[in-house]
Amino acid sequence: MSFLPKSGLLVLALTVAGSSASLAQQPATAQYKCMIQMTNYMGEKAYIAVSLMNGKGAYEKTLYVLGSDKKWYPDVKTWYKALGKKTPNISAISGASVAGGDRSVIVLEIDNSKLNKDYKLRFESAVEDKEDHAKDLEIPLTTEALSAKSEGTGYIRYVRFSPNTSN
């Protein structure tokens, strides 16, 4: 029977402890600053729902809503319909609506296990008495896409991401 010397046990114990600590230090989520630049449209401020979509095109989670007055949520038609009767409490992930030509910076918390898999970020926009855009912008949830400028097709001119280093 072979025994490790005491110094070997200490090295083994420190190695196991170090491995556990490094695994524990890897966060389950990452925060990204998301700058949304709007087109120069005329009219009321836009409501925008930012959602995580799975590979089948189904809503997984609402990540942020620009527009805090719940009475206008039905105008963001596809997102609101997907919520059904289970409207989540989104007060912690909502902010002011955004006007034509303006920009808004929000922080999105994204589950790291979804990155570089078959997921997308969908930006759905709506303006009172105007057309809504169910897929104003869809971005593959990849490292590459999160580092590029993405062009919108409706009220959103473009979106840019950067890691949120202030968290």
N, C-alpha and C. Protein backbone atom coordinates (compact mmCIF):
# COMPACT_ATOMS: atom_id res chain seq x y z
N MET A 1 0.85 -1.16 0.00
CA MET A 1 0.00 0.00 0.00
C MET A 1 0.90 1.24 0.00
N SER A 2 0.60 2.21 -0.85
CA SER A 2 1.43 3.41 -0.95
C SER A 2 0.71 4.60 -0.34
N PHE A 3 1.43 5.40 0.37
CA PHE A 3 0.87 6.59 1.00
C PHE A 3 1.52 7.82 0.43
N LEU A 4 0.72 8.87 0.25
CA LEU A 4 1.29 10.13 -0.19
C LEU A 4 1.96 10.80 0.99
N PRO A 5 3.13 11.41 0.79
CA PRO A 5 3.72 12.16 1.89
C PRO A 5 2.81 13.33 2.24
N LYS A 6 2.97 13.87 3.44
CA LYS A 6 2.11 14.96 3.89
C LYS A 6 2.13 16.13 2.92
N SER A 7 3.28 16.43 2.35
CA SER A 7 3.36 17.55 1.40
C SER A 7 2.53 17.24 0.14
N GLY A 8 2.48 15.98 -0.27
CA GLY A 8 1.67 15.58 -1.41
C GLY A 8 0.19 15.74 -1.14
N LEU A 9 -0.23 15.40 0.08
CA LEU A 9 -1.64 15.59 0.46
C LEU A 9 -2.00 17.07 0.45
N LEU A 10 -1.09 17.91 0.91
CA LEU A 10 -1.34 19.34 0.93
C LEU A 10 -1.50 19.87 -0.49
N VAL A 11 -0.62 19.44 -1.39
CA VAL A 11 -0.71 19.86 -2.80
C VAL A 11 -2.02 19.39 -3.40
N LEU A 12 -2.39 18.14 -3.16
CA LEU A 12 -3.64 17.59 -3.66
C LEU A 12 -4.83 18.39 -3.13
N ALA A 13 -4.83 18.67 -1.84
CA ALA A 13 -5.94 19.42 -1.23
C ALA A 13 -6.03 20.83 -1.81
N LEU A 14 -4.90 21.49 -2.00
CA LEU A 14 -4.91 22.84 -2.58
C LEU A 14 -5.35 22.82 -4.04
N THR A 15 -4.96 21.80 -4.78
CA THR A 15 -5.38 21.67 -6.18
C THR A 15 -6.89 21.50 -6.29
N VAL A 16 -7.44 20.61 -5.48
CA VAL A 16 -8.90 20.40 -5.48
C VAL A 16 -9.61 21.67 -5.05
N ALA A 17 -9.14 22.32 -4.01
CA ALA A 17 -9.76 23.56 -3.53
C ALA A 17 -9.67 24.64 -4.59
N GLY A 18 -8.53 24.73 -5.26
CA GLY A 18 -8.36 25.73 -6.32
C GLY A 18 -9.28 25.48 -7.49
N SER A 19 -9.45 24.21 -7.88
CA SER A 19 -10.36 23.87 -8.98
C SER A 19 -11.79 24.22 -8.63
N SER A 20 -12.20 23.92 -7.41
CA SER A 20 -13.55 24.23 -6.96
C SER A 20 -13.77 25.73 -6.94
N ALA A 21 -12.78 26.47 -6.48
CA ALA A 21 -12.91 27.93 -6.41
C ALA A 21 -13.01 28.53 -7.80
N SER A 22 -12.22 28.02 -8.77
CA SER A 22 -12.28 28.59 -10.12
C SER A 22 -13.62 28.26 -10.78
N LEU A 23 -14.18 27.09 -10.51
CA LEU A 23 -15.51 26.76 -11.04
C LEU A 23 -16.57 27.65 -10.42
N ALA A 24 -16.45 27.91 -9.14
CA ALA A 24 -17.44 28.73 -8.45
C ALA A 24 -17.35 30.18 -8.91
N GLN A 25 -16.19 30.62 -9.38
CA GLN A 25 -16.00 32.01 -9.77
C GLN A 25 -16.59 32.31 -11.14
N GLN A 26 -16.83 31.32 -11.95
CA GLN A 26 -17.38 31.56 -13.26
C GLN A 26 -18.87 31.87 -13.12
N PRO A 27 -19.25 33.11 -13.47
CA PRO A 27 -20.64 33.50 -13.29
C PRO A 27 -21.59 32.76 -14.23
N ALA A 28 -22.80 32.55 -13.77
CA ALA A 28 -23.82 31.90 -14.59
C ALA A 28 -24.37 32.86 -15.64
N THR A 29 -24.27 34.17 -15.36
CA THR A 29 -24.76 35.17 -16.30
C THR A 29 -23.69 36.24 -16.53
N ALA A 30 -23.85 36.96 -17.61
CA ALA A 30 -22.98 38.09 -17.92
C ALA A 30 -23.88 39.28 -18.24
N GLN A 31 -23.40 40.46 -17.89
CA GLN A 31 -24.15 41.67 -18.20
C GLN A 31 -23.52 42.37 -19.40
N TYR A 32 -24.39 42.85 -20.28
CA TYR A 32 -23.97 43.58 -21.46
C TYR A 32 -24.69 44.91 -21.52
N LYS A 33 -23.95 45.98 -21.79
CA LYS A 33 -24.57 47.26 -22.08
C LYS A 33 -25.07 47.18 -23.51
N CYS A 34 -26.26 47.65 -23.71
CA CYS A 34 -26.90 47.60 -25.03
C CYS A 34 -27.36 49.01 -25.38
N MET A 35 -26.74 49.59 -26.41
CA MET A 35 -27.11 50.92 -26.86
C MET A 35 -28.05 50.77 -28.06
N ILE A 36 -29.24 51.34 -27.91
CA ILE A 36 -30.25 51.29 -28.97
C ILE A 36 -30.40 52.68 -29.56
N GLN A 37 -30.08 52.82 -30.84
CA GLN A 37 -30.24 54.09 -31.56
C GLN A 37 -31.50 53.99 -32.40
N MET A 38 -32.40 54.94 -32.21
CA MET A 38 -33.67 54.93 -32.93
C MET A 38 -33.56 55.69 -34.25
N THR A 39 -34.44 55.36 -35.21
CA THR A 39 -34.55 56.12 -36.45
C THR A 39 -35.22 57.45 -36.14
N ASN A 40 -35.19 58.35 -37.09
CA ASN A 40 -35.81 59.67 -36.90
C ASN A 40 -37.27 59.64 -37.35
N TYR A 41 -38.10 58.87 -36.66
CA TYR A 41 -39.51 58.81 -37.03
C TYR A 41 -40.27 59.90 -36.28
N MET A 42 -41.45 60.24 -36.76
CA MET A 42 -42.33 61.22 -36.10
C MET A 42 -43.40 60.45 -35.33
N GLY A 43 -43.74 60.93 -34.17
CA GLY A 43 -44.80 60.29 -33.40
C GLY A 43 -44.40 60.08 -31.95
N GLU A 44 -45.21 59.28 -31.27
CA GLU A 44 -44.99 59.01 -29.85
C GLU A 44 -43.71 58.20 -29.64
N LYS A 45 -43.33 58.09 -28.38
CA LYS A 45 -42.16 57.29 -28.02
C LYS A 45 -42.45 55.81 -28.26
N ALA A 46 -41.40 55.08 -28.59
CA ALA A 46 -41.53 53.65 -28.89
C ALA A 46 -41.42 52.81 -27.63
N TYR A 47 -42.17 51.72 -27.63
CA TYR A 47 -42.02 50.66 -26.63
C TYR A 47 -41.25 49.55 -27.31
N ILE A 48 -40.25 49.01 -26.61
CA ILE A 48 -39.42 47.95 -27.18
C ILE A 48 -39.31 46.82 -26.17
N ALA A 49 -39.60 45.60 -26.61
CA ALA A 49 -39.41 44.41 -25.78
C ALA A 49 -38.19 43.68 -26.32
N VAL A 50 -37.24 43.39 -25.41
CA VAL A 50 -36.04 42.63 -25.77
C VAL A 50 -36.22 41.25 -25.16
N SER A 51 -36.22 40.22 -26.00
CA SER A 51 -36.51 38.87 -25.54
C SER A 51 -35.45 37.88 -25.99
N LEU A 52 -35.32 36.83 -25.20
CA LEU A 52 -34.47 35.69 -25.56
C LEU A 52 -35.37 34.69 -26.27
N MET A 53 -34.95 34.30 -27.49
CA MET A 53 -35.72 33.36 -28.30
C MET A 53 -34.93 32.07 -28.46
N ASN A 54 -35.61 30.93 -28.37
CA ASN A 54 -34.90 29.66 -28.56
C ASN A 54 -34.81 29.33 -30.05
N GLY A 55 -34.16 28.20 -30.36
CA GLY A 55 -33.93 27.80 -31.74
C GLY A 55 -35.20 27.52 -32.53
N LYS A 56 -36.30 27.28 -31.86
CA LYS A 56 -37.58 27.03 -32.52
C LYS A 56 -38.37 28.32 -32.73
N GLY A 57 -37.80 29.45 -32.30
CA GLY A 57 -38.46 30.73 -32.46
C GLY A 57 -39.45 31.05 -31.35
N ALA A 58 -39.42 30.29 -30.26
CA ALA A 58 -40.32 30.53 -29.14
C ALA A 58 -39.66 31.44 -28.10
N TYR A 59 -40.49 32.21 -27.44
CA TYR A 59 -40.00 33.10 -26.38
C TYR A 59 -39.55 32.29 -25.18
N GLU A 60 -38.33 32.56 -24.72
CA GLU A 60 -37.79 31.92 -23.53
C GLU A 60 -37.93 32.85 -22.32
N LYS A 61 -37.60 34.15 -22.55
CA LYS A 61 -37.54 35.07 -21.42
C LYS A 61 -37.55 36.51 -21.93
N THR A 62 -38.22 37.38 -21.19
CA THR A 62 -38.15 38.81 -21.45
C THR A 62 -36.92 39.34 -20.72
N LEU A 63 -36.01 39.96 -21.46
CA LEU A 63 -34.78 40.48 -20.87
C LEU A 63 -34.90 41.94 -20.46
N TYR A 64 -35.70 42.72 -21.21
CA TYR A 64 -35.88 44.14 -20.89
C TYR A 64 -37.07 44.68 -21.67
N VAL A 65 -37.74 45.68 -21.10
CA VAL A 65 -38.82 46.38 -21.79
C VAL A 65 -38.58 47.88 -21.65
N LEU A 66 -38.47 48.55 -22.78
CA LEU A 66 -38.39 50.01 -22.77
C LEU A 66 -39.82 50.51 -22.88
N GLY A 67 -40.30 51.10 -21.82
CA GLY A 67 -41.68 51.54 -21.70
C GLY A 67 -42.27 50.93 -20.46
N SER A 68 -42.63 51.75 -19.51
CA SER A 68 -43.03 51.19 -18.21
C SER A 68 -44.53 51.24 -17.94
N ASP A 69 -45.32 51.85 -18.83
CA ASP A 69 -46.76 51.92 -18.61
C ASP A 69 -47.43 50.67 -19.18
N LYS A 70 -47.88 49.79 -18.30
CA LYS A 70 -48.42 48.49 -18.71
C LYS A 70 -49.60 48.58 -19.66
N LYS A 71 -50.32 49.69 -19.66
CA LYS A 71 -51.49 49.79 -20.54
C LYS A 71 -51.10 49.78 -22.01
N TRP A 72 -49.83 50.06 -22.34
CA TRP A 72 -49.39 50.07 -23.73
C TRP A 72 -48.72 48.76 -24.14
N TYR A 73 -48.54 47.83 -23.23
CA TYR A 73 -47.90 46.56 -23.57
C TYR A 73 -48.62 45.80 -24.68
N PRO A 74 -49.96 45.82 -24.73
CA PRO A 74 -50.63 45.12 -25.84
C PRO A 74 -50.26 45.64 -27.22
N ASP A 75 -49.70 46.87 -27.31
CA ASP A 75 -49.27 47.40 -28.60
C ASP A 75 -48.03 46.67 -29.12
N VAL A 76 -47.27 46.07 -28.22
CA VAL A 76 -46.11 45.25 -28.62
C VAL A 76 -46.69 43.84 -28.80
N LYS A 77 -47.42 43.67 -29.88
CA LYS A 77 -48.37 42.58 -30.07
C LYS A 77 -47.82 41.17 -29.93
N THR A 78 -46.78 40.83 -30.66
CA THR A 78 -46.29 39.45 -30.65
C THR A 78 -45.72 39.08 -29.29
N TRP A 79 -44.95 39.98 -28.69
CA TRP A 79 -44.39 39.75 -27.36
C TRP A 79 -45.51 39.59 -26.33
N TYR A 80 -46.48 40.49 -26.37
CA TYR A 80 -47.57 40.46 -25.40
C TYR A 80 -48.41 39.19 -25.54
N LYS A 81 -48.65 38.78 -26.77
CA LYS A 81 -49.40 37.54 -27.01
C LYS A 81 -48.63 36.33 -26.47
N ALA A 82 -47.31 36.34 -26.66
CA ALA A 82 -46.48 35.22 -26.18
C ALA A 82 -46.51 35.12 -24.65
N LEU A 83 -46.67 36.25 -23.98
CA LEU A 83 -46.74 36.24 -22.51
C LEU A 83 -48.00 35.54 -22.03
N GLY A 84 -49.07 35.67 -22.81
CA GLY A 84 -50.35 35.07 -22.41
C GLY A 84 -50.87 35.70 -21.14
N LYS A 85 -51.49 34.92 -20.32
CA LYS A 85 -52.05 35.44 -19.07
C LYS A 85 -51.01 35.49 -17.96
N LYS A 86 -49.81 35.00 -18.26
CA LYS A 86 -48.75 34.97 -17.25
C LYS A 86 -47.82 36.15 -17.43
N THR A 87 -48.32 37.36 -17.25
CA THR A 87 -47.49 38.54 -17.38
C THR A 87 -46.52 38.58 -16.20
N PRO A 88 -45.23 38.46 -16.48
CA PRO A 88 -44.26 38.47 -15.38
C PRO A 88 -44.11 39.85 -14.78
N ASN A 89 -43.60 39.92 -13.57
CA ASN A 89 -43.29 41.19 -12.96
C ASN A 89 -42.01 41.69 -13.61
N ILE A 90 -42.12 42.70 -14.44
CA ILE A 90 -40.95 43.17 -15.17
C ILE A 90 -40.48 44.54 -14.68
N SER A 91 -40.93 44.95 -13.51
CA SER A 91 -40.56 46.27 -13.02
C SER A 91 -39.04 46.41 -12.87
N ALA A 92 -38.34 45.34 -12.56
CA ALA A 92 -36.89 45.41 -12.40
C ALA A 92 -36.16 45.44 -13.74
N ILE A 93 -36.84 45.09 -14.82
CA ILE A 93 -36.21 45.06 -16.14
C ILE A 93 -36.96 45.94 -17.12
N SER A 94 -37.46 47.07 -16.65
CA SER A 94 -38.14 47.99 -17.55
C SER A 94 -37.64 49.41 -17.29
N GLY A 95 -37.79 50.22 -18.31
CA GLY A 95 -37.36 51.61 -18.21
C GLY A 95 -38.18 52.46 -19.14
N ALA A 96 -37.74 53.68 -19.34
CA ALA A 96 -38.48 54.65 -20.13
C ALA A 96 -38.54 54.25 -21.61
N SER A 97 -39.65 54.61 -22.24
CA SER A 97 -39.76 54.43 -23.68
C SER A 97 -38.78 55.40 -24.34
N VAL A 98 -38.59 55.26 -25.64
CA VAL A 98 -37.55 56.05 -26.32
C VAL A 98 -38.13 56.70 -27.57
N ALA A 99 -37.80 57.98 -27.77
CA ALA A 99 -38.36 58.76 -28.87
C ALA A 99 -37.56 58.60 -30.16
N GLY A 100 -38.18 58.97 -31.25
CA GLY A 100 -37.53 58.94 -32.55
C GLY A 100 -36.26 59.78 -32.54
N GLY A 101 -35.16 59.22 -33.07
CA GLY A 101 -33.89 59.92 -33.13
C GLY A 101 -33.06 59.83 -31.86
N ASP A 102 -33.67 59.40 -30.76
CA ASP A 102 -32.95 59.29 -29.49
C ASP A 102 -32.23 57.96 -29.39
N ARG A 103 -31.44 57.85 -28.34
CA ARG A 103 -30.79 56.57 -28.04
C ARG A 103 -31.00 56.27 -26.57
N SER A 104 -30.92 55.00 -26.28
CA SER A 104 -31.08 54.53 -24.91
C SER A 104 -30.02 53.47 -24.64
N VAL A 105 -29.47 53.48 -23.43
CA VAL A 105 -28.51 52.46 -23.03
C VAL A 105 -29.14 51.67 -21.89
N ILE A 106 -29.24 50.37 -22.09
CA ILE A 106 -29.80 49.49 -21.07
C ILE A 106 -28.77 48.41 -20.75
N VAL A 107 -28.99 47.68 -19.68
CA VAL A 107 -28.11 46.56 -19.34
C VAL A 107 -28.93 45.29 -19.40
N LEU A 108 -28.43 44.32 -20.18
CA LEU A 108 -29.08 43.03 -20.31
C LEU A 108 -28.27 41.99 -19.56
N GLU A 109 -28.94 41.15 -18.80
CA GLU A 109 -28.28 40.03 -18.13
C GLU A 109 -28.59 38.77 -18.92
N ILE A 110 -27.53 38.13 -19.42
CA ILE A 110 -27.69 36.99 -20.32
C ILE A 110 -27.05 35.75 -19.70
N ASP A 111 -27.80 34.67 -19.73
CA ASP A 111 -27.33 33.39 -19.22
C ASP A 111 -26.20 32.88 -20.11
N ASN A 112 -25.02 32.68 -19.53
CA ASN A 112 -23.85 32.24 -20.30
C ASN A 112 -24.06 30.90 -21.00
N SER A 113 -24.92 30.05 -20.46
CA SER A 113 -25.15 28.74 -21.10
C SER A 113 -25.91 28.87 -22.42
N LYS A 114 -26.49 30.02 -22.70
CA LYS A 114 -27.22 30.24 -23.95
C LYS A 114 -26.33 30.82 -25.04
N LEU A 115 -25.17 31.35 -24.66
CA LEU A 115 -24.27 32.01 -25.61
C LEU A 115 -23.64 30.98 -26.56
N ASN A 116 -23.60 31.34 -27.84
CA ASN A 116 -23.04 30.49 -28.89
C ASN A 116 -23.79 29.17 -29.04
N LYS A 117 -25.05 29.18 -28.72
CA LYS A 117 -25.95 28.04 -28.93
C LYS A 117 -27.01 28.51 -29.93
N ASP A 118 -28.11 27.84 -30.02
CA ASP A 118 -29.15 28.17 -30.99
C ASP A 118 -30.19 29.12 -30.37
N TYR A 119 -29.73 30.33 -29.97
CA TYR A 119 -30.61 31.33 -29.36
C TYR A 119 -30.43 32.66 -30.09
N LYS A 120 -31.45 33.50 -29.99
CA LYS A 120 -31.42 34.84 -30.58
C LYS A 120 -31.93 35.85 -29.56
N LEU A 121 -31.55 37.09 -29.77
CA LEU A 121 -32.16 38.21 -29.06
C LEU A 121 -33.10 38.88 -30.05
N ARG A 122 -34.35 39.06 -29.64
CA ARG A 122 -35.33 39.72 -30.50
C ARG A 122 -35.70 41.07 -29.89
N PHE A 123 -35.68 42.10 -30.74
CA PHE A 123 -36.11 43.43 -30.36
C PHE A 123 -37.40 43.70 -31.12
N GLU A 124 -38.50 43.80 -30.38
CA GLU A 124 -39.81 44.10 -30.98
C GLU A 124 -40.18 45.52 -30.60
N SER A 125 -40.59 46.31 -31.58
CA SER A 125 -40.89 47.72 -31.31
C SER A 125 -42.31 48.08 -31.74
N ALA A 126 -42.88 49.04 -31.02
CA ALA A 126 -44.23 49.52 -31.35
C ALA A 126 -44.34 50.99 -30.96
N VAL A 127 -45.09 51.72 -31.77
CA VAL A 127 -45.38 53.14 -31.52
C VAL A 127 -46.88 53.31 -31.64
N GLU A 128 -47.46 54.07 -30.71
CA GLU A 128 -48.91 54.30 -30.70
C GLU A 128 -49.38 54.85 -32.05
N ASP A 129 -50.47 54.28 -32.57
CA ASP A 129 -51.09 54.67 -33.83
C ASP A 129 -50.19 54.46 -35.05
N LYS A 130 -49.20 53.59 -34.91
CA LYS A 130 -48.32 53.26 -36.03
C LYS A 130 -48.13 51.76 -36.07
N GLU A 131 -47.48 51.29 -37.11
CA GLU A 131 -47.21 49.86 -37.29
C GLU A 131 -46.26 49.37 -36.19
N ASP A 132 -46.51 48.14 -35.73
CA ASP A 132 -45.53 47.53 -34.82
C ASP A 132 -44.62 46.62 -35.64
N HIS A 133 -43.41 46.39 -35.10
CA HIS A 133 -42.41 45.57 -35.80
C HIS A 133 -42.03 44.41 -34.89
N ALA A 134 -42.65 43.24 -35.16
CA ALA A 134 -42.43 42.06 -34.31
C ALA A 134 -40.97 41.62 -34.34
N LYS A 135 -40.31 41.80 -35.46
CA LYS A 135 -38.89 41.44 -35.59
C LYS A 135 -38.12 42.65 -36.11
N ASP A 136 -38.20 43.74 -35.34
CA ASP A 136 -37.45 44.94 -35.74
C ASP A 136 -35.98 44.58 -35.89
N LEU A 137 -35.51 43.73 -34.99
CA LEU A 137 -34.12 43.29 -35.04
C LEU A 137 -34.00 41.95 -34.33
N GLU A 138 -33.35 40.99 -34.98
CA GLU A 138 -33.01 39.71 -34.35
C GLU A 138 -31.52 39.50 -34.49
N ILE A 139 -30.89 39.18 -33.37
CA ILE A 139 -29.44 39.00 -33.33
C ILE A 139 -29.14 37.61 -32.81
N PRO A 140 -28.35 36.81 -33.54
CA PRO A 140 -27.94 35.52 -32.99
C PRO A 140 -27.17 35.76 -31.69
N LEU A 141 -27.43 34.97 -30.69
CA LEU A 141 -26.77 35.15 -29.39
C LEU A 141 -25.39 34.47 -29.45
N THR A 142 -24.48 35.13 -30.18
CA THR A 142 -23.13 34.63 -30.33
C THR A 142 -22.15 35.72 -29.93
N THR A 143 -20.95 35.29 -29.58
CA THR A 143 -19.90 36.25 -29.22
C THR A 143 -19.66 37.21 -30.37
N GLU A 144 -19.63 36.67 -31.58
CA GLU A 144 -19.38 37.49 -32.77
C GLU A 144 -20.49 38.54 -32.96
N ALA A 145 -21.74 38.13 -32.89
CA ALA A 145 -22.86 39.05 -33.10
C ALA A 145 -22.92 40.12 -32.01
N LEU A 146 -22.57 39.76 -30.78
CA LEU A 146 -22.60 40.74 -29.68
C LEU A 146 -21.47 41.76 -29.79
N SER A 147 -20.51 41.52 -30.66
CA SER A 147 -19.42 42.49 -30.83
C SER A 147 -19.60 43.33 -32.09
N ALA A 148 -20.68 43.12 -32.82
CA ALA A 148 -20.92 43.84 -34.07
C ALA A 148 -22.09 44.81 -33.92
N LYS A 149 -22.15 45.76 -34.83
CA LYS A 149 -23.28 46.68 -34.93
C LYS A 149 -24.38 45.96 -35.71
N SER A 150 -25.60 45.97 -35.20
CA SER A 150 -26.72 45.28 -35.86
C SER A 150 -27.78 46.29 -36.26
N GLU A 151 -28.21 46.24 -37.50
CA GLU A 151 -29.17 47.19 -38.06
C GLU A 151 -30.61 46.71 -37.83
N GLY A 152 -31.48 47.63 -37.41
CA GLY A 152 -32.89 47.35 -37.26
C GLY A 152 -33.62 47.51 -38.57
N THR A 153 -34.90 47.10 -38.59
CA THR A 153 -35.70 47.20 -39.82
C THR A 153 -36.94 48.08 -39.62
N GLY A 154 -37.17 48.55 -38.41
CA GLY A 154 -38.36 49.36 -38.12
C GLY A 154 -37.96 50.67 -37.47
N TYR A 155 -38.35 50.86 -36.21
CA TYR A 155 -38.04 52.08 -35.48
C TYR A 155 -36.61 52.10 -34.95
N ILE A 156 -36.00 50.93 -34.87
CA ILE A 156 -34.62 50.85 -34.39
C ILE A 156 -33.67 51.02 -35.56
N ARG A 157 -32.78 51.99 -35.46
CA ARG A 157 -31.77 52.19 -36.50
C ARG A 157 -30.68 51.14 -36.37
N TYR A 158 -30.10 51.02 -35.15
CA TYR A 158 -29.10 49.99 -34.90
C TYR A 158 -28.93 49.76 -33.40
N VAL A 159 -28.26 48.66 -33.08
CA VAL A 159 -27.97 48.27 -31.70
C VAL A 159 -26.50 47.88 -31.63
N ARG A 160 -25.84 48.28 -30.54
CA ARG A 160 -24.46 47.88 -30.26
C ARG A 160 -24.38 47.36 -28.83
N PHE A 161 -23.54 46.36 -28.62
CA PHE A 161 -23.33 45.78 -27.29
C PHE A 161 -21.89 46.00 -26.85
N SER A 162 -21.71 46.04 -25.55
CA SER A 162 -20.37 46.01 -24.94
C SER A 162 -20.49 45.34 -23.59
N PRO A 163 -19.44 44.63 -23.16
CA PRO A 163 -19.50 44.00 -21.83
C PRO A 163 -19.68 45.07 -20.76
N ASN A 164 -20.49 44.79 -19.77
CA ASN A 164 -20.70 45.72 -18.67
C ASN A 164 -19.64 45.46 -17.62
N THR A 165 -18.60 46.24 -17.62
CA THR A 165 -17.49 46.04 -16.70
C THR A 165 -17.71 46.75 -15.37
N SER A 166 -18.80 47.47 -15.24
CA SER A 166 -19.06 48.20 -13.99
C SER A 166 -19.86 47.39 -12.98
N ASN A 167 -20.15 46.11 -13.27
CA ASN A 167 -20.94 45.30 -12.34
C ASN A 167 -20.09 44.63 -11.32
